[in-house]
Amino acid sequence: MVEITPKLSISRLLGAIIVGIFVAFFVFFGIALLIGLLNDAFGANVPISVQFTENVGSAILLVVLIIVFVAAFCWKVLTTPPVTPEFEIPETIDKF
């Protein structure tokens, strides 16, 4: 059996880093929104909010999420081989 080894492409790796940062921001804002809703509903005092520039807990959560998602997307890029298009024409096209 031939093992397919993925090629390291800078564009794929850069894309994984950019997508990881965007996904981390959206997940962070979703988590902050849910925590804010729970704070209002139950009167809890969890210090996570969307204002990560003023709150150390929020900034730490954002940095952790960025690291986790960038690492996950980079791992996926490094373990998945690039897709190569097939240039074969199906036989049904010739019949028409």
PDB file of N, CA and C in Angstrom:
ATOM      1  N   MET A   1       0.827  -1.180   0.000  1.00  0.00           N
ATOM      2  CA  MET A   1       0.000   0.000   0.000  1.00  0.00           C
ATOM      3  C   MET A   1       0.876   1.250   0.000  1.00  0.00           C
ATOM      4  N   VAL A   2       0.545   2.196  -0.841  1.00  0.00           N
ATOM      5  CA  VAL A   2       1.308   3.434  -0.932  1.00  0.00           C
ATOM      6  C   VAL A   2       0.727   4.445   0.043  1.00  0.00           C
ATOM      7  N   GLU A   3       1.596   4.985   0.863  1.00  0.00           N
ATOM      8  CA  GLU A   3       1.145   5.979   1.838  1.00  0.00           C
ATOM      9  C   GLU A   3       1.218   7.363   1.210  1.00  0.00           C
ATOM     10  N   ILE A   4       0.152   8.103   1.309  1.00  0.00           N
ATOM     11  CA  ILE A   4       0.107   9.452   0.755  1.00  0.00           C
ATOM     12  C   ILE A   4       0.606  10.415   1.821  1.00  0.00           C
ATOM     13  N   THR A   5       1.694  11.099   1.508  1.00  0.00           N
ATOM     14  CA  THR A   5       2.227  12.085   2.442  1.00  0.00           C
ATOM     15  C   THR A   5       1.828  13.471   1.972  1.00  0.00           C
ATOM     16  N   PRO A   6       1.229  14.266   2.843  1.00  0.00           N
ATOM     17  CA  PRO A   6       0.798  15.607   2.429  1.00  0.00           C
ATOM     18  C   PRO A   6       1.991  16.528   2.219  1.00  0.00           C
ATOM     19  N   LYS A   7       1.884  17.385   1.212  1.00  0.00           N
ATOM     20  CA  LYS A   7       2.911  18.390   0.962  1.00  0.00           C
ATOM     21  C   LYS A   7       2.608  19.633   1.794  1.00  0.00           C
ATOM     22  N   LEU A   8       3.643  20.216   2.347  1.00  0.00           N
ATOM     23  CA  LEU A   8       3.471  21.433   3.128  1.00  0.00           C
ATOM     24  C   LEU A   8       3.417  22.617   2.173  1.00  0.00           C
ATOM     25  N   SER A   9       2.314  23.306   2.180  1.00  0.00           N
ATOM     26  CA  SER A   9       2.151  24.480   1.338  1.00  0.00           C
ATOM     27  C   SER A   9       1.966  25.689   2.242  1.00  0.00           C
ATOM     28  N   ILE A  10       2.719  26.723   1.965  1.00  0.00           N
ATOM     29  CA  ILE A  10       2.654  27.932   2.786  1.00  0.00           C
ATOM     30  C   ILE A  10       1.267  28.564   2.700  1.00  0.00           C
ATOM     31  N   SER A  11       0.650  28.526   1.515  1.00  0.00           N
ATOM     32  CA  SER A  11      -0.674  29.135   1.375  1.00  0.00           C
ATOM     33  C   SER A  11      -1.728  28.366   2.177  1.00  0.00           C
ATOM     34  N   ARG A  12      -1.626  27.035   2.195  1.00  0.00           N
ATOM     35  CA  ARG A  12      -2.574  26.254   3.002  1.00  0.00           C
ATOM     36  C   ARG A  12      -2.376  26.524   4.487  1.00  0.00           C
ATOM     37  N   LEU A  13      -1.110  26.614   4.913  1.00  0.00           N
ATOM     38  CA  LEU A  13      -0.816  26.878   6.316  1.00  0.00           C
ATOM     39  C   LEU A  13      -1.259  28.283   6.724  1.00  0.00           C
ATOM     40  N   LEU A  14      -1.014  29.265   5.865  1.00  0.00           N
ATOM     41  CA  LEU A  14      -1.453  30.634   6.144  1.00  0.00           C
ATOM     42  C   LEU A  14      -2.979  30.712   6.191  1.00  0.00           C
ATOM     43  N   GLY A  15      -3.645  30.001   5.287  1.00  0.00           N
ATOM     44  CA  GLY A  15      -5.107  29.957   5.305  1.00  0.00           C
ATOM     45  C   GLY A  15      -5.636  29.343   6.590  1.00  0.00           C
ATOM     46  N   ALA A  16      -4.971  28.287   7.071  1.00  0.00           N
ATOM     47  CA  ALA A  16      -5.390  27.655   8.325  1.00  0.00           C
ATOM     48  C   ALA A  16      -5.233  28.607   9.500  1.00  0.00           C
ATOM     49  N   ILE A  17      -4.167  29.394   9.500  1.00  0.00           N
ATOM     50  CA  ILE A  17      -3.956  30.347  10.590  1.00  0.00           C
ATOM     51  C   ILE A  17      -5.023  31.437  10.562  1.00  0.00           C
ATOM     52  N   ILE A  18      -5.315  31.956   9.378  1.00  0.00           N
ATOM     53  CA  ILE A  18      -6.328  33.020   9.260  1.00  0.00           C
ATOM     54  C   ILE A  18      -7.709  32.501   9.641  1.00  0.00           C
ATOM     55  N   VAL A  19      -8.073  31.323   9.150  1.00  0.00           N
ATOM     56  CA  VAL A  19      -9.376  30.752   9.488  1.00  0.00           C
ATOM     57  C   VAL A  19      -9.451  30.451  10.981  1.00  0.00           C
ATOM     58  N   GLY A  20      -8.359  29.962  11.569  1.00  0.00           N
ATOM     59  CA  GLY A  20      -8.342  29.683  13.007  1.00  0.00           C
ATOM     60  C   GLY A  20      -8.578  30.935  13.836  1.00  0.00           C
ATOM     61  N   ILE A  21      -7.987  32.057  13.423  1.00  0.00           N
ATOM     62  CA  ILE A  21      -8.191  33.317  14.151  1.00  0.00           C
ATOM     63  C   ILE A  21      -9.636  33.788  14.025  1.00  0.00           C
ATOM     64  N   PHE A  22     -10.194  33.733  12.804  1.00  0.00           N
ATOM     65  CA  PHE A  22     -11.586  34.156  12.619  1.00  0.00           C
ATOM     66  C   PHE A  22     -12.554  33.279  13.415  1.00  0.00           C
ATOM     67  N   VAL A  23     -12.363  31.974  13.351  1.00  0.00           N
ATOM     68  CA  VAL A  23     -13.253  31.067  14.083  1.00  0.00           C
ATOM     69  C   VAL A  23     -13.128  31.298  15.583  1.00  0.00           C
ATOM     70  N   ALA A  24     -11.915  31.523  16.068  1.00  0.00           N
ATOM     71  CA  ALA A  24     -11.722  31.771  17.501  1.00  0.00           C
ATOM     72  C   ALA A  24     -12.447  33.029  17.952  1.00  0.00           C
ATOM     73  N   PHE A  25     -12.415  34.091  17.137  1.00  0.00           N
ATOM     74  CA  PHE A  25     -13.139  35.312  17.497  1.00  0.00           C
ATOM     75  C   PHE A  25     -14.641  35.061  17.555  1.00  0.00           C
ATOM     76  N   PHE A  26     -15.181  34.357  16.571  1.00  0.00           N
ATOM     77  CA  PHE A  26     -16.624  34.090  16.579  1.00  0.00           C
ATOM     78  C   PHE A  26     -17.030  33.199  17.758  1.00  0.00           C
ATOM     79  N   VAL A  27     -16.218  32.191  18.058  1.00  0.00           N
ATOM     80  CA  VAL A  27     -16.521  31.326  19.203  1.00  0.00           C
ATOM     81  C   VAL A  27     -16.402  32.124  20.499  1.00  0.00           C
ATOM     82  N   PHE A  28     -15.392  32.986  20.605  1.00  0.00           N
ATOM     83  CA  PHE A  28     -15.244  33.816  21.804  1.00  0.00           C
ATOM     84  C   PHE A  28     -16.463  34.700  22.016  1.00  0.00           C
ATOM     85  N   PHE A  29     -16.910  35.369  20.951  1.00  0.00           N
ATOM     86  CA  PHE A  29     -18.079  36.240  21.103  1.00  0.00           C
ATOM     87  C   PHE A  29     -19.338  35.437  21.417  1.00  0.00           C
ATOM     88  N   GLY A  30     -19.449  34.242  20.889  1.00  0.00           N
ATOM     89  CA  GLY A  30     -20.576  33.374  21.240  1.00  0.00           C
ATOM     90  C   GLY A  30     -20.546  32.964  22.701  1.00  0.00           C
ATOM     91  N   ILE A  31     -19.359  32.582  23.187  1.00  0.00           N
ATOM     92  CA  ILE A  31     -19.221  32.211  24.601  1.00  0.00           C
ATOM     93  C   ILE A  31     -19.498  33.417  25.502  1.00  0.00           C
ATOM     94  N   ALA A  32     -18.962  34.574  25.134  1.00  0.00           N
ATOM     95  CA  ALA A  32     -19.194  35.779  25.942  1.00  0.00           C
ATOM     96  C   ALA A  32     -20.675  36.148  25.957  1.00  0.00           C
ATOM     97  N   LEU A  33     -21.348  35.960  24.825  1.00  0.00           N
ATOM     98  CA  LEU A  33     -22.786  36.244  24.765  1.00  0.00           C
ATOM     99  C   LEU A  33     -23.563  35.301  25.672  1.00  0.00           C
ATOM    100  N   LEU A  34     -23.232  34.013  25.619  1.00  0.00           N
ATOM    101  CA  LEU A  34     -23.922  33.047  26.486  1.00  0.00           C
ATOM    102  C   LEU A  34     -23.650  33.315  27.963  1.00  0.00           C
ATOM    103  N   ILE A  35     -22.406  33.632  28.302  1.00  0.00           N
ATOM    104  CA  ILE A  35     -22.087  33.932  29.702  1.00  0.00           C
ATOM    105  C   ILE A  35     -22.806  35.207  30.146  1.00  0.00           C
ATOM    106  N   GLY A  36     -22.880  36.207  29.248  1.00  0.00           N
ATOM    107  CA  GLY A  36     -23.622  37.430  29.580  1.00  0.00           C
ATOM    108  C   GLY A  36     -25.097  37.157  29.802  1.00  0.00           C
ATOM    109  N   LEU A  37     -25.686  36.283  28.972  1.00  0.00           N
ATOM    110  CA  LEU A  37     -27.098  35.923  29.170  1.00  0.00           C
ATOM    111  C   LEU A  37     -27.309  35.200  30.493  1.00  0.00           C
ATOM    112  N   LEU A  38     -26.380  34.289  30.832  1.00  0.00           N
ATOM    113  CA  LEU A  38     -26.493  33.570  32.100  1.00  0.00           C
ATOM    114  C   LEU A  38     -26.274  34.508  33.282  1.00  0.00           C
ATOM    115  N   ASN A  39     -25.366  35.472  33.140  1.00  0.00           N
ATOM    116  CA  ASN A  39     -25.160  36.455  34.205  1.00  0.00           C
ATOM    117  C   ASN A  39     -26.426  37.259  34.460  1.00  0.00           C
ATOM    118  N   ASP A  40     -27.099  37.676  33.394  1.00  0.00           N
ATOM    119  CA  ASP A  40     -28.322  38.459  33.555  1.00  0.00           C
ATOM    120  C   ASP A  40     -29.471  37.610  34.093  1.00  0.00           C
ATOM    121  N   ALA A  41     -29.574  36.378  33.624  1.00  0.00           N
ATOM    122  CA  ALA A  41     -30.700  35.533  34.021  1.00  0.00           C
ATOM    123  C   ALA A  41     -30.585  35.049  35.465  1.00  0.00           C
ATOM    124  N   PHE A  42     -29.396  34.646  35.873  1.00  0.00           N
ATOM    125  CA  PHE A  42     -29.241  34.053  37.197  1.00  0.00           C
ATOM    126  C   PHE A  42     -28.547  34.960  38.198  1.00  0.00           C
ATOM    127  N   GLY A  43     -28.132  36.124  37.794  1.00  0.00           N
ATOM    128  CA  GLY A  43     -27.470  37.043  38.704  1.00  0.00           C
ATOM    129  C   GLY A  43     -26.070  36.598  39.078  1.00  0.00           C
ATOM    130  N   ALA A  44     -25.463  35.774  38.248  1.00  0.00           N
ATOM    131  CA  ALA A  44     -24.093  35.322  38.512  1.00  0.00           C
ATOM    132  C   ALA A  44     -23.127  36.467  38.260  1.00  0.00           C
ATOM    133  N   ASN A  45     -21.913  36.294  38.711  1.00  0.00           N
ATOM    134  CA  ASN A  45     -20.917  37.349  38.563  1.00  0.00           C
ATOM    135  C   ASN A  45     -19.674  36.806  37.860  1.00  0.00           C
ATOM    136  N   VAL A  46     -19.872  36.172  36.708  1.00  0.00           N
ATOM    137  CA  VAL A  46     -18.751  35.634  35.935  1.00  0.00           C
ATOM    138  C   VAL A  46     -18.091  36.796  35.201  1.00  0.00           C
ATOM    139  N   PRO A  47     -16.771  36.957  35.330  1.00  0.00           N
ATOM    140  CA  PRO A  47     -16.111  38.150  34.781  1.00  0.00           C
ATOM    141  C   PRO A  47     -15.751  38.070  33.290  1.00  0.00           C
ATOM    142  N   ILE A  48     -16.410  37.237  32.515  1.00  0.00           N
ATOM    143  CA  ILE A  48     -16.124  37.147  31.080  1.00  0.00           C
ATOM    144  C   ILE A  48     -17.125  38.028  30.335  1.00  0.00           C
ATOM    145  N   SER A  49     -16.604  38.938  29.524  1.00  0.00           N
ATOM    146  CA  SER A  49     -17.464  39.805  28.720  1.00  0.00           C
ATOM    147  C   SER A  49     -16.832  39.993  27.356  1.00  0.00           C
ATOM    148  N   VAL A  50     -17.516  40.711  26.478  1.00  0.00           N
ATOM    149  CA  VAL A  50     -17.002  40.932  25.135  1.00  0.00           C
ATOM    150  C   VAL A  50     -15.884  41.976  25.147  1.00  0.00           C
ATOM    151  N   GLN A  51     -15.720  42.685  26.210  1.00  0.00           N
ATOM    152  CA  GLN A  51     -14.701  43.736  26.283  1.00  0.00           C
ATOM    153  C   GLN A  51     -13.372  43.135  26.735  1.00  0.00           C
ATOM    154  N   PHE A  52     -12.706  42.440  25.803  1.00  0.00           N
ATOM    155  CA  PHE A  52     -11.461  41.762  26.164  1.00  0.00           C
ATOM    156  C   PHE A  52     -10.306  42.741  26.351  1.00  0.00           C
ATOM    157  N   THR A  53     -10.468  44.009  25.939  1.00  0.00           N
ATOM    158  CA  THR A  53      -9.399  44.984  26.161  1.00  0.00           C
ATOM    159  C   THR A  53      -9.402  45.508  27.588  1.00  0.00           C
ATOM    160  N   GLU A  54     -10.515  45.371  28.278  1.00  0.00           N
ATOM    161  CA  GLU A  54     -10.614  45.885  29.649  1.00  0.00           C
ATOM    162  C   GLU A  54     -10.643  44.781  30.698  1.00  0.00           C
ATOM    163  N   ASN A  55     -10.754  43.533  30.270  1.00  0.00           N
ATOM    164  CA  ASN A  55     -10.944  42.440  31.202  1.00  0.00           C
ATOM    165  C   ASN A  55      -9.877  41.376  30.943  1.00  0.00           C
ATOM    166  N   VAL A  56      -9.093  41.062  31.954  1.00  0.00           N
ATOM    167  CA  VAL A  56      -8.012  40.095  31.813  1.00  0.00           C
ATOM    168  C   VAL A  56      -8.554  38.691  31.558  1.00  0.00           C
ATOM    169  N   GLY A  57      -9.626  38.317  32.227  1.00  0.00           N
ATOM    170  CA  GLY A  57     -10.220  36.991  32.025  1.00  0.00           C
ATOM    171  C   GLY A  57     -10.695  36.790  30.594  1.00  0.00           C
ATOM    172  N   SER A  58     -11.311  37.816  30.030  1.00  0.00           N
ATOM    173  CA  SER A  58     -11.772  37.738  28.644  1.00  0.00           C
ATOM    174  C   SER A  58     -10.594  37.679  27.676  1.00  0.00           C
ATOM    175  N   ALA A  59      -9.554  38.442  27.952  1.00  0.00           N
ATOM    176  CA  ALA A  59      -8.380  38.429  27.086  1.00  0.00           C
ATOM    177  C   ALA A  59      -7.694  37.062  27.109  1.00  0.00           C
ATOM    178  N   ILE A  60      -7.607  36.463  28.284  1.00  0.00           N
ATOM    179  CA  ILE A  60      -7.001  35.133  28.397  1.00  0.00           C
ATOM    180  C   ILE A  60      -7.839  34.100  27.654  1.00  0.00           C
ATOM    181  N   LEU A  61      -9.162  34.171  27.790  1.00  0.00           N
ATOM    182  CA  LEU A  61     -10.037  33.250  27.077  1.00  0.00           C
ATOM    183  C   LEU A  61      -9.880  33.408  25.569  1.00  0.00           C
ATOM    184  N   LEU A  62      -9.792  34.641  25.092  1.00  0.00           N
ATOM    185  CA  LEU A  62      -9.631  34.890  23.664  1.00  0.00           C
ATOM    186  C   LEU A  62      -8.293  34.333  23.157  1.00  0.00           C
ATOM    187  N   VAL A  63      -7.218  34.555  23.890  1.00  0.00           N
ATOM    188  CA  VAL A  63      -5.905  34.052  23.477  1.00  0.00           C
ATOM    189  C   VAL A  63      -5.885  32.525  23.469  1.00  0.00           C
ATOM    190  N   VAL A  64      -6.476  31.908  24.473  1.00  0.00           N
ATOM    191  CA  VAL A  64      -6.533  30.442  24.520  1.00  0.00           C
ATOM    192  C   VAL A  64      -7.329  29.894  23.342  1.00  0.00           C
ATOM    193  N   LEU A  65      -8.463  30.516  23.038  1.00  0.00           N
ATOM    194  CA  LEU A  65      -9.269  30.063  21.900  1.00  0.00           C
ATOM    195  C   LEU A  65      -8.526  30.242  20.579  1.00  0.00           C
ATOM    196  N   ILE A  66      -7.808  31.338  20.421  1.00  0.00           N
ATOM    197  CA  ILE A  66      -7.033  31.550  19.193  1.00  0.00           C
ATOM    198  C   ILE A  66      -5.963  30.473  19.053  1.00  0.00           C
ATOM    199  N   ILE A  67      -5.252  30.181  20.124  1.00  0.00           N
ATOM    200  CA  ILE A  67      -4.201  29.160  20.072  1.00  0.00           C
ATOM    201  C   ILE A  67      -4.799  27.790  19.753  1.00  0.00           C
ATOM    202  N   VAL A  68      -5.904  27.450  20.397  1.00  0.00           N
ATOM    203  CA  VAL A  68      -6.525  26.135  20.171  1.00  0.00           C
ATOM    204  C   VAL A  68      -7.020  25.992  18.737  1.00  0.00           C
ATOM    205  N   PHE A  69      -7.723  26.990  18.224  1.00  0.00           N
ATOM    206  CA  PHE A  69      -8.286  26.870  16.883  1.00  0.00           C
ATOM    207  C   PHE A  69      -7.215  26.958  15.796  1.00  0.00           C
ATOM    208  N   VAL A  70      -6.205  27.789  15.976  1.00  0.00           N
ATOM    209  CA  VAL A  70      -5.113  27.843  15.001  1.00  0.00           C
ATOM    210  C   VAL A  70      -4.365  26.508  14.990  1.00  0.00           C
ATOM    211  N   ALA A  71      -4.111  25.953  16.159  1.00  0.00           N
ATOM    212  CA  ALA A  71      -3.431  24.655  16.226  1.00  0.00           C
ATOM    213  C   ALA A  71      -4.277  23.555  15.593  1.00  0.00           C
ATOM    214  N   ALA A  72      -5.589  23.580  15.826  1.00  0.00           N
ATOM    215  CA  ALA A  72      -6.462  22.556  15.255  1.00  0.00           C
ATOM    216  C   ALA A  72      -6.503  22.643  13.735  1.00  0.00           C
ATOM    217  N   PHE A  73      -6.627  23.842  13.191  1.00  0.00           N
ATOM    218  CA  PHE A  73      -6.662  23.989  11.744  1.00  0.00           C
ATOM    219  C   PHE A  73      -5.307  23.678  11.117  1.00  0.00           C
ATOM    220  N   CYS A  74      -4.211  24.058  11.768  1.00  0.00           N
ATOM    221  CA  CYS A  74      -2.878  23.723  11.241  1.00  0.00           C
ATOM    222  C   CYS A  74      -2.662  22.215  11.265  1.00  0.00           C
ATOM    223  N   TRP A  75      -3.100  21.546  12.323  1.00  0.00           N
ATOM    224  CA  TRP A  75      -2.982  20.091  12.389  1.00  0.00           C
ATOM    225  C   TRP A  75      -3.780  19.443  11.262  1.00  0.00           C
ATOM    226  N   LYS A  76      -4.973  19.966  11.009  1.00  0.00           N
ATOM    227  CA  LYS A  76      -5.796  19.416   9.937  1.00  0.00           C
ATOM    228  C   LYS A  76      -5.134  19.620   8.578  1.00  0.00           C
ATOM    229  N   VAL A  77      -4.515  20.766   8.356  1.00  0.00           N
ATOM    230  CA  VAL A  77      -3.821  21.027   7.091  1.00  0.00           C
ATOM    231  C   VAL A  77      -2.608  20.109   6.955  1.00  0.00           C
ATOM    232  N   LEU A  78      -1.880  19.897   8.036  1.00  0.00           N
ATOM    233  CA  LEU A  78      -0.675  19.082   7.965  1.00  0.00           C
ATOM    234  C   LEU A  78      -0.982  17.598   7.802  1.00  0.00           C
ATOM    235  N   THR A  79      -2.140  17.146   8.232  1.00  0.00           N
ATOM    236  CA  THR A  79      -2.465  15.721   8.144  1.00  0.00           C
ATOM    237  C   THR A  79      -3.358  15.374   6.962  1.00  0.00           C
ATOM    238  N   THR A  80      -3.846  16.346   6.234  1.00  0.00           N
ATOM    239  CA  THR A  80      -4.709  16.097   5.090  1.00  0.00           C
ATOM    240  C   THR A  80      -3.959  16.418   3.806  1.00  0.00           C
ATOM    241  N   PRO A  81      -3.907  15.475   2.870  1.00  0.00           N
ATOM    242  CA  PRO A  81      -3.218  15.783   1.616  1.00  0.00           C
ATOM    243  C   PRO A  81      -4.024  16.774   0.786  1.00  0.00           C
ATOM    244  N   PRO A  82      -3.344  17.582  -0.020  1.00  0.00           N
ATOM    245  CA  PRO A  82      -4.072  18.531  -0.863  1.00  0.00           C
ATOM    246  C   PRO A  82      -4.886  17.801  -1.927  1.00  0.00           C
ATOM    247  N   VAL A  83      -5.982  18.401  -2.300  1.00  0.00           N
ATOM    248  CA  VAL A  83      -6.851  17.810  -3.304  1.00  0.00           C
ATOM    249  C   VAL A  83      -6.292  18.129  -4.683  1.00  0.00           C
ATOM    250  N   THR A  84      -6.143  17.100  -5.485  1.00  0.00           N
ATOM    251  CA  THR A  84      -5.696  17.306  -6.864  1.00  0.00           C
ATOM    252  C   THR A  84      -6.876  17.051  -7.783  1.00  0.00           C
ATOM    253  N   PRO A  85      -7.165  17.972  -8.659  1.00  0.00           N
ATOM    254  CA  PRO A  85      -8.316  17.781  -9.549  1.00  0.00           C
ATOM    255  C   PRO A  85      -8.058  16.670 -10.553  1.00  0.00           C
ATOM    256  N   GLU A  86      -9.109  15.939 -10.862  1.00  0.00           N
ATOM    257  CA  GLU A  86      -9.017  14.885 -11.861  1.00  0.00           C
ATOM    258  C   GLU A  86      -9.459  15.452 -13.200  1.00  0.00           C
ATOM    259  N   PHE A  87      -8.667  15.219 -14.210  1.00  0.00           N
ATOM    260  CA  PHE A  87      -8.958  15.772 -15.523  1.00  0.00           C
ATOM    261  C   PHE A  87      -9.546  14.729 -16.472  1.00  0.00           C
ATOM    262  N   GLU A  88     -10.150  13.700 -15.909  1.00  0.00           N
ATOM    263  CA  GLU A  88     -10.755  12.676 -16.740  1.00  0.00           C
ATOM    264  C   GLU A  88     -12.158  13.108 -17.141  1.00  0.00           C
ATOM    265  N   ILE A  89     -12.488  12.912 -18.390  1.00  0.00           N
ATOM    266  CA  ILE A  89     -13.819  13.246 -18.885  1.00  0.00           C
ATOM    267  C   ILE A  89     -14.676  11.988 -18.790  1.00  0.00           C
ATOM    268  N   PRO A  90     -15.816  12.075 -18.128  1.00  0.00           N
ATOM    269  CA  PRO A  90     -16.684  10.896 -18.048  1.00  0.00           C
ATOM    270  C   PRO A  90     -17.163  10.462 -19.420  1.00  0.00           C
ATOM    271  N   GLU A  91     -17.445   9.198 -19.564  1.00  0.00           N
ATOM    272  CA  GLU A  91     -17.867   8.658 -20.838  1.00  0.00           C
ATOM    273  C   GLU A  91     -19.223   9.171 -21.284  1.00  0.00           C
ATOM    274  N   THR A  92     -20.060   9.580 -20.357  1.00  0.00           N
ATOM    275  CA  THR A  92     -21.411  10.033 -20.714  1.00  0.00           C
ATOM    276  C   THR A  92     -21.396  11.352 -21.463  1.00  0.00           C
ATOM    277  N   ILE A  93     -20.369  12.162 -21.287  1.00  0.00           N
ATOM    278  CA  ILE A  93     -20.297  13.450 -21.974  1.00  0.00           C
ATOM    279  C   ILE A  93     -20.096  13.230 -23.471  1.00  0.00           C
ATOM    280  N   ASP A  94     -19.286  12.240 -23.834  1.00  0.00           N
ATOM    281  CA  ASP A  94     -19.014  11.986 -25.240  1.00  0.00           C
ATOM    282  C   ASP A  94     -20.237  11.497 -25.996  1.00  0.00           C
ATOM    283  N   LYS A  95     -21.191  10.901 -25.332  1.00  0.00           N
ATOM    284  CA  LYS A  95     -22.362  10.328 -25.994  1.00  0.00           C
ATOM    285  C   LYS A  95     -23.386  11.372 -26.400  1.00  0.00           C
ATOM    286  N   PHE A  96     -23.294  12.563 -25.875  1.00  0.00           N
ATOM    287  CA  PHE A  96     -24.290  13.577 -26.198  1.00  0.00           C
ATOM    288  C   PHE A  96     -23.868  14.327 -27.382  1.00  0.00           C
TER     289      PHE A  96
END
